[in-house]
Amino acid sequence: MTALPKQLYLFYRDGFRSMVVGRTLWQIIAIKLFILFAVLKLFFFPNYLEHNFNTERDRAGHVLENLTRTPSAR
């Protein structure tokens, strides 16, 4: 059973070492993920709770209220 994880590790290690185009593709993927999670978060997803509520108790109350509220009938 311990041989299987070692075989999988060696398989992926050797596969990533022998990649030529794959390394460039992984670099592009890493850059895109950085842009998505770091840059876009800064500009498009402000910290709503921090800006609108002063204390942790107020923030927790707001989150609890929104999570437990039942949808109103239209």
PDB file of N, CA and C in Angstrom:
ATOM      1  N   MET A   1       0.822  -1.193   0.000  1.00  0.00           N
ATOM      2  CA  MET A   1       0.000   0.000   0.000  1.00  0.00           C
ATOM      3  C   MET A   1       0.865   1.255   0.000  1.00  0.00           C
ATOM      4  N   THR A   2       2.008   1.239   0.669  1.00  0.00           N
ATOM      5  CA  THR A   2       2.865   2.416   0.703  1.00  0.00           C
ATOM      6  C   THR A   2       3.566   2.643  -0.626  1.00  0.00           C
ATOM      7  N   ALA A   3       3.611   1.632  -1.465  1.00  0.00           N
ATOM      8  CA  ALA A   3       4.274   1.787  -2.755  1.00  0.00           C
ATOM      9  C   ALA A   3       3.432   2.641  -3.706  1.00  0.00           C
ATOM     10  N   LEU A   4       2.117   2.616  -3.560  1.00  0.00           N
ATOM     11  CA  LEU A   4       1.249   3.384  -4.456  1.00  0.00           C
ATOM     12  C   LEU A   4       1.453   4.896  -4.329  1.00  0.00           C
ATOM     13  N   PRO A   5       1.472   5.467  -3.120  1.00  0.00           N
ATOM     14  CA  PRO A   5       1.733   6.907  -3.039  1.00  0.00           C
ATOM     15  C   PRO A   5       3.108   7.290  -3.602  1.00  0.00           C
ATOM     16  N   LYS A   6       4.100   6.436  -3.372  1.00  0.00           N
ATOM     17  CA  LYS A   6       5.434   6.718  -3.904  1.00  0.00           C
ATOM     18  C   LYS A   6       5.428   6.667  -5.431  1.00  0.00           C
ATOM     19  N   GLN A   7       4.734   5.703  -6.004  1.00  0.00           N
ATOM     20  CA  GLN A   7       4.643   5.604  -7.458  1.00  0.00           C
ATOM     21  C   GLN A   7       3.924   6.812  -8.049  1.00  0.00           C
ATOM     22  N   LEU A   8       2.857   7.252  -7.404  1.00  0.00           N
ATOM     23  CA  LEU A   8       2.145   8.435  -7.875  1.00  0.00           C
ATOM     24  C   LEU A   8       3.026   9.675  -7.801  1.00  0.00           C
ATOM     25  N   TYR A   9       3.740   9.826  -6.692  1.00  0.00           N
ATOM     26  CA  TYR A   9       4.636  10.968  -6.553  1.00  0.00           C
ATOM     27  C   TYR A   9       5.702  10.963  -7.646  1.00  0.00           C
ATOM     28  N   LEU A  10       6.329   9.828  -7.867  1.00  0.00           N
ATOM     29  CA  LEU A  10       7.368   9.737  -8.898  1.00  0.00           C
ATOM     30  C   LEU A  10       6.799   9.992 -10.288  1.00  0.00           C
ATOM     31  N   PHE A  11       5.597   9.503 -10.545  1.00  0.00           N
ATOM     32  CA  PHE A  11       4.941   9.708 -11.829  1.00  0.00           C
ATOM     33  C   PHE A  11       4.755  11.199 -12.107  1.00  0.00           C
ATOM     34  N   TYR A  12       4.191  11.918 -11.138  1.00  0.00           N
ATOM     35  CA  TYR A  12       3.958  13.347 -11.334  1.00  0.00           C
ATOM     36  C   TYR A  12       5.256  14.143 -11.337  1.00  0.00           C
ATOM     37  N   ARG A  13       6.205  13.773 -10.484  1.00  0.00           N
ATOM     38  CA  ARG A  13       7.493  14.470 -10.455  1.00  0.00           C
ATOM     39  C   ARG A  13       8.203  14.361 -11.800  1.00  0.00           C
ATOM     40  N   ASP A  14       8.279  13.167 -12.325  1.00  0.00           N
ATOM     41  CA  ASP A  14       8.950  12.970 -13.608  1.00  0.00           C
ATOM     42  C   ASP A  14       8.182  13.630 -14.746  1.00  0.00           C
ATOM     43  N   GLY A  15       6.852  13.599 -14.660  1.00  0.00           N
ATOM     44  CA  GLY A  15       6.044  14.243 -15.695  1.00  0.00           C
ATOM     45  C   GLY A  15       6.232  15.742 -15.720  1.00  0.00           C
ATOM     46  N   PHE A  16       6.273  16.379 -14.561  1.00  0.00           N
ATOM     47  CA  PHE A  16       6.465  17.832 -14.512  1.00  0.00           C
ATOM     48  C   PHE A  16       7.883  18.228 -14.888  1.00  0.00           C
ATOM     49  N   ARG A  17       8.853  17.380 -14.602  1.00  0.00           N
ATOM     50  CA  ARG A  17      10.238  17.687 -14.978  1.00  0.00           C
ATOM     51  C   ARG A  17      10.426  17.673 -16.482  1.00  0.00           C
ATOM     52  N   SER A  18       9.736  16.772 -17.166  1.00  0.00           N
ATOM     53  CA  SER A  18       9.960  16.622 -18.607  1.00  0.00           C
ATOM     54  C   SER A  18       9.074  17.551 -19.445  1.00  0.00           C
ATOM     55  N   MET A  19       8.256  18.359 -18.795  1.00  0.00           N
ATOM     56  CA  MET A  19       7.393  19.277 -19.538  1.00  0.00           C
ATOM     57  C   MET A  19       8.197  20.413 -20.152  1.00  0.00           C
ATOM     58  N   VAL A  20       7.831  20.775 -21.374  1.00  0.00           N
ATOM     59  CA  VAL A  20       8.444  21.936 -22.014  1.00  0.00           C
ATOM     60  C   VAL A  20       7.393  23.038 -22.116  1.00  0.00           C
ATOM     61  N   VAL A  21       6.328  22.778 -22.812  1.00  0.00           N
ATOM     62  CA  VAL A  21       5.256  23.752 -22.961  1.00  0.00           C
ATOM     63  C   VAL A  21       4.440  23.828 -21.679  1.00  0.00           C
ATOM     64  N   GLY A  22       4.374  22.744 -20.955  1.00  0.00           N
ATOM     65  CA  GLY A  22       3.577  22.686 -19.740  1.00  0.00           C
ATOM     66  C   GLY A  22       4.023  23.672 -18.676  1.00  0.00           C
ATOM     67  N   ARG A  23       5.322  23.913 -18.587  1.00  0.00           N
ATOM     68  CA  ARG A  23       5.811  24.872 -17.589  1.00  0.00           C
ATOM     69  C   ARG A  23       5.297  26.269 -17.883  1.00  0.00           C
ATOM     70  N   THR A  24       5.306  26.629 -19.137  1.00  0.00           N
ATOM     71  CA  THR A  24       4.787  27.942 -19.518  1.00  0.00           C
ATOM     72  C   THR A  24       3.293  28.021 -19.229  1.00  0.00           C
ATOM     73  N   LEU A  25       2.571  26.965 -19.513  1.00  0.00           N
ATOM     74  CA  LEU A  25       1.138  26.949 -19.239  1.00  0.00           C
ATOM     75  C   LEU A  25       0.862  27.056 -17.738  1.00  0.00           C
ATOM     76  N   TRP A  26       1.645  26.368 -16.908  1.00  0.00           N
ATOM     77  CA  TRP A  26       1.462  26.463 -15.457  1.00  0.00           C
ATOM     78  C   TRP A  26       1.783  27.870 -14.959  1.00  0.00           C
ATOM     79  N   GLN A  27       2.772  28.530 -15.568  1.00  0.00           N
ATOM     80  CA  GLN A  27       3.077  29.917 -15.193  1.00  0.00           C
ATOM     81  C   GLN A  27       1.921  30.831 -15.549  1.00  0.00           C
ATOM     82  N   ILE A  28       1.321  30.629 -16.702  1.00  0.00           N
ATOM     83  CA  ILE A  28       0.165  31.434 -17.110  1.00  0.00           C
ATOM     84  C   ILE A  28      -1.000  31.200 -16.154  1.00  0.00           C
ATOM     85  N   ILE A  29      -1.229  29.946 -15.774  1.00  0.00           N
ATOM     86  CA  ILE A  29      -2.304  29.626 -14.827  1.00  0.00           C
ATOM     87  C   ILE A  29      -2.048  30.309 -13.489  1.00  0.00           C
ATOM     88  N   ALA A  30      -0.813  30.282 -13.009  1.00  0.00           N
ATOM     89  CA  ALA A  30      -0.481  30.910 -11.729  1.00  0.00           C
ATOM     90  C   ALA A  30      -0.698  32.418 -11.778  1.00  0.00           C
ATOM     91  N   ILE A  31      -0.314  33.059 -12.882  1.00  0.00           N
ATOM     92  CA  ILE A  31      -0.514  34.501 -13.034  1.00  0.00           C
ATOM     93  C   ILE A  31      -1.998  34.829 -13.068  1.00  0.00           C
ATOM     94  N   LYS A  32      -2.783  34.043 -13.788  1.00  0.00           N
ATOM     95  CA  LYS A  32      -4.223  34.284 -13.853  1.00  0.00           C
ATOM     96  C   LYS A  32      -4.873  34.122 -12.483  1.00  0.00           C
ATOM     97  N   LEU A  33      -4.476  33.106 -11.732  1.00  0.00           N
ATOM     98  CA  LEU A  33      -5.028  32.918 -10.394  1.00  0.00           C
ATOM     99  C   LEU A  33      -4.655  34.070  -9.473  1.00  0.00           C
ATOM    100  N   PHE A  34      -3.424  34.552  -9.586  1.00  0.00           N
ATOM    101  CA  PHE A  34      -3.018  35.703  -8.785  1.00  0.00           C
ATOM    102  C   PHE A  34      -3.886  36.911  -9.118  1.00  0.00           C
ATOM    103  N   ILE A  35      -4.117  37.144 -10.396  1.00  0.00           N
ATOM    104  CA  ILE A  35      -4.947  38.277 -10.808  1.00  0.00           C
ATOM    105  C   ILE A  35      -6.363  38.113 -10.284  1.00  0.00           C
ATOM    106  N   LEU A  36      -6.928  36.925 -10.415  1.00  0.00           N
ATOM    107  CA  LEU A  36      -8.292  36.700  -9.962  1.00  0.00           C
ATOM    108  C   LEU A  36      -8.461  36.898  -8.466  1.00  0.00           C
ATOM    109  N   PHE A  37      -7.570  36.305  -7.681  1.00  0.00           N
ATOM    110  CA  PHE A  37      -7.775  36.296  -6.241  1.00  0.00           C
ATOM    111  C   PHE A  37      -7.167  37.494  -5.530  1.00  0.00           C
ATOM    112  N   ALA A  38      -6.129  38.083  -6.038  1.00  0.00           N
ATOM    113  CA  ALA A  38      -5.482  39.184  -5.333  1.00  0.00           C
ATOM    114  C   ALA A  38      -5.937  40.536  -5.861  1.00  0.00           C
ATOM    115  N   VAL A  39      -5.761  40.749  -7.145  1.00  0.00           N
ATOM    116  CA  VAL A  39      -6.027  42.063  -7.716  1.00  0.00           C
ATOM    117  C   VAL A  39      -7.521  42.360  -7.758  1.00  0.00           C
ATOM    118  N   LEU A  40      -8.317  41.446  -8.255  1.00  0.00           N
ATOM    119  CA  LEU A  40      -9.751  41.691  -8.353  1.00  0.00           C
ATOM    120  C   LEU A  40     -10.396  41.839  -6.975  1.00  0.00           C
ATOM    121  N   LYS A  41      -9.908  41.098  -5.981  1.00  0.00           N
ATOM    122  CA  LYS A  41     -10.454  41.223  -4.633  1.00  0.00           C
ATOM    123  C   LYS A  41     -10.237  42.630  -4.097  1.00  0.00           C
ATOM    124  N   LEU A  42      -9.082  43.188  -4.355  1.00  0.00           N
ATOM    125  CA  LEU A  42      -8.789  44.530  -3.850  1.00  0.00           C
ATOM    126  C   LEU A  42      -9.720  45.587  -4.432  1.00  0.00           C
ATOM    127  N   PHE A  43     -10.032  45.474  -5.709  1.00  0.00           N
ATOM    128  CA  PHE A  43     -10.791  46.522  -6.379  1.00  0.00           C
ATOM    129  C   PHE A  43     -12.298  46.299  -6.412  1.00  0.00           C
ATOM    130  N   PHE A  44     -12.738  45.053  -6.489  1.00  0.00           N
ATOM    131  CA  PHE A  44     -14.155  44.778  -6.701  1.00  0.00           C
ATOM    132  C   PHE A  44     -14.888  44.207  -5.495  1.00  0.00           C
ATOM    133  N   PHE A  45     -14.165  43.767  -4.470  1.00  0.00           N
ATOM    134  CA  PHE A  45     -14.808  43.158  -3.316  1.00  0.00           C
ATOM    135  C   PHE A  45     -14.337  43.832  -2.036  1.00  0.00           C
ATOM    136  N   PRO A  46     -14.844  45.024  -1.748  1.00  0.00           N
ATOM    137  CA  PRO A  46     -14.426  45.697  -0.517  1.00  0.00           C
ATOM    138  C   PRO A  46     -14.948  44.954   0.710  1.00  0.00           C
ATOM    139  N   ASN A  47     -14.348  45.222   1.848  1.00  0.00           N
ATOM    140  CA  ASN A  47     -14.753  44.578   3.085  1.00  0.00           C
ATOM    141  C   ASN A  47     -15.992  45.285   3.616  1.00  0.00           C
ATOM    142  N   TYR A  48     -17.152  44.793   3.230  1.00  0.00           N
ATOM    143  CA  TYR A  48     -18.439  45.411   3.566  1.00  0.00           C
ATOM    144  C   TYR A  48     -18.646  45.507   5.068  1.00  0.00           C
ATOM    145  N   LEU A  49     -18.373  44.429   5.775  1.00  0.00           N
ATOM    146  CA  LEU A  49     -18.627  44.407   7.215  1.00  0.00           C
ATOM    147  C   LEU A  49     -17.717  45.376   7.958  1.00  0.00           C
ATOM    148  N   GLU A  50     -16.473  45.468   7.545  1.00  0.00           N
ATOM    149  CA  GLU A  50     -15.535  46.358   8.230  1.00  0.00           C
ATOM    150  C   GLU A  50     -15.917  47.822   8.048  1.00  0.00           C
ATOM    151  N   HIS A  51     -16.424  48.157   6.882  1.00  0.00           N
ATOM    152  CA  HIS A  51     -16.759  49.556   6.598  1.00  0.00           C
ATOM    153  C   HIS A  51     -18.113  49.970   7.159  1.00  0.00           C
ATOM    154  N   ASN A  52     -19.040  49.051   7.330  1.00  0.00           N
ATOM    155  CA  ASN A  52     -20.394  49.406   7.739  1.00  0.00           C
ATOM    156  C   ASN A  52     -20.715  49.120   9.205  1.00  0.00           C
ATOM    157  N   PHE A  53     -19.861  48.377   9.890  1.00  0.00           N
ATOM    158  CA  PHE A  53     -20.121  48.040  11.286  1.00  0.00           C
ATOM    159  C   PHE A  53     -18.868  48.286  12.099  1.00  0.00           C
ATOM    160  N   ASN A  54     -19.049  48.822  13.301  1.00  0.00           N
ATOM    161  CA  ASN A  54     -17.894  49.215  14.110  1.00  0.00           C
ATOM    162  C   ASN A  54     -17.344  48.100  14.982  1.00  0.00           C
ATOM    163  N   THR A  55     -18.206  47.257  15.509  1.00  0.00           N
ATOM    164  CA  THR A  55     -17.735  46.229  16.448  1.00  0.00           C
ATOM    165  C   THR A  55     -17.960  44.836  15.876  1.00  0.00           C
ATOM    166  N   GLU A  56     -17.250  43.885  16.457  1.00  0.00           N
ATOM    167  CA  GLU A  56     -17.411  42.479  16.061  1.00  0.00           C
ATOM    168  C   GLU A  56     -18.824  41.987  16.364  1.00  0.00           C
ATOM    169  N   ARG A  57     -19.396  42.474  17.450  1.00  0.00           N
ATOM    170  CA  ARG A  57     -20.750  42.077  17.826  1.00  0.00           C
ATOM    171  C   ARG A  57     -21.749  42.527  16.755  1.00  0.00           C
ATOM    172  N   ASP A  58     -21.605  43.761  16.248  1.00  0.00           N
ATOM    173  CA  ASP A  58     -22.498  44.263  15.199  1.00  0.00           C
ATOM    174  C   ASP A  58     -22.341  43.453  13.914  1.00  0.00           C
ATOM    175  N   ARG A  59     -21.095  43.133  13.577  1.00  0.00           N
ATOM    176  CA  ARG A  59     -20.828  42.335  12.366  1.00  0.00           C
ATOM    177  C   ARG A  59     -21.445  40.951  12.491  1.00  0.00           C
ATOM    178  N   ALA A  60     -21.242  40.327  13.643  1.00  0.00           N
ATOM    179  CA  ALA A  60     -21.786  38.979  13.861  1.00  0.00           C
ATOM    180  C   ALA A  60     -23.314  39.005  13.831  1.00  0.00           C
ATOM    181  N   GLY A  61     -23.910  40.031  14.420  1.00  0.00           N
ATOM    182  CA  GLY A  61     -25.368  40.144  14.407  1.00  0.00           C
ATOM    183  C   GLY A  61     -25.916  40.307  13.006  1.00  0.00           C
ATOM    184  N   HIS A  62     -25.235  41.099  12.189  1.00  0.00           N
ATOM    185  CA  HIS A  62     -25.678  41.298  10.809  1.00  0.00           C
ATOM    186  C   HIS A  62     -25.599  39.991  10.012  1.00  0.00           C
ATOM    187  N   VAL A  63     -24.488  39.275  10.162  1.00  0.00           N
ATOM    188  CA  VAL A  63     -24.316  37.998   9.450  1.00  0.00           C
ATOM    189  C   VAL A  63     -25.357  36.993   9.921  1.00  0.00           C
ATOM    190  N   LEU A  64     -25.563  36.890  11.221  1.00  0.00           N
ATOM    191  CA  LEU A  64     -26.545  35.945  11.756  1.00  0.00           C
ATOM    192  C   LEU A  64     -27.950  36.274  11.270  1.00  0.00           C
ATOM    193  N   GLU A  65     -28.278  37.555  11.255  1.00  0.00           N
ATOM    194  CA  GLU A  65     -29.602  37.969  10.789  1.00  0.00           C
ATOM    195  C   GLU A  65     -29.818  37.597   9.329  1.00  0.00           C
ATOM    196  N   ASN A  66     -28.816  37.795   8.492  1.00  0.00           N
ATOM    197  CA  ASN A  66     -28.956  37.484   7.075  1.00  0.00           C
ATOM    198  C   ASN A  66     -28.936  35.990   6.784  1.00  0.00           C
ATOM    199  N   LEU A  67     -28.264  35.227   7.622  1.00  0.00           N
ATOM    200  CA  LEU A  67     -28.234  33.776   7.412  1.00  0.00           C
ATOM    201  C   LEU A  67     -29.503  33.089   7.889  1.00  0.00           C
ATOM    202  N   THR A  68     -30.124  33.636   8.923  1.00  0.00           N
ATOM    203  CA  THR A  68     -31.287  32.962   9.507  1.00  0.00           C
ATOM    204  C   THR A  68     -32.615  33.564   9.077  1.00  0.00           C
ATOM    205  N   ARG A  69     -32.593  34.628   8.320  1.00  0.00           N
ATOM    206  CA  ARG A  69     -33.837  35.259   7.870  1.00  0.00           C
ATOM    207  C   ARG A  69     -34.526  34.371   6.847  1.00  0.00           C
ATOM    208  N   THR A  70     -35.837  34.231   6.998  1.00  0.00           N
ATOM    209  CA  THR A  70     -36.600  33.452   6.035  1.00  0.00           C
ATOM    210  C   THR A  70     -36.991  34.364   4.875  1.00  0.00           C
ATOM    211  N   PRO A  71     -37.051  33.825   3.678  1.00  0.00           N
ATOM    212  CA  PRO A  71     -37.436  34.660   2.533  1.00  0.00           C
ATOM    213  C   PRO A  71     -38.857  35.173   2.689  1.00  0.00           C
ATOM    214  N   SER A  72     -39.070  36.422   2.403  1.00  0.00           N
ATOM    215  CA  SER A  72     -40.414  36.994   2.530  1.00  0.00           C
ATOM    216  C   SER A  72     -41.234  36.630   1.315  1.00  0.00           C
ATOM    217  N   ALA A  73     -42.511  36.465   1.524  1.00  0.00           N
ATOM    218  CA  ALA A  73     -43.443  36.135   0.426  1.00  0.00           C
ATOM    219  C   ALA A  73     -43.681  37.373  -0.435  1.00  0.00           C
ATOM    220  N   ARG A  74     -43.678  37.156  -1.711  1.00  0.00           N
ATOM    221  CA  ARG A  74     -43.888  38.274  -2.637  1.00  0.00           C
ATOM    222  C   ARG A  74     -45.306  38.368  -3.063  1.00  0.00           C
TER     223      ARG A  74
END
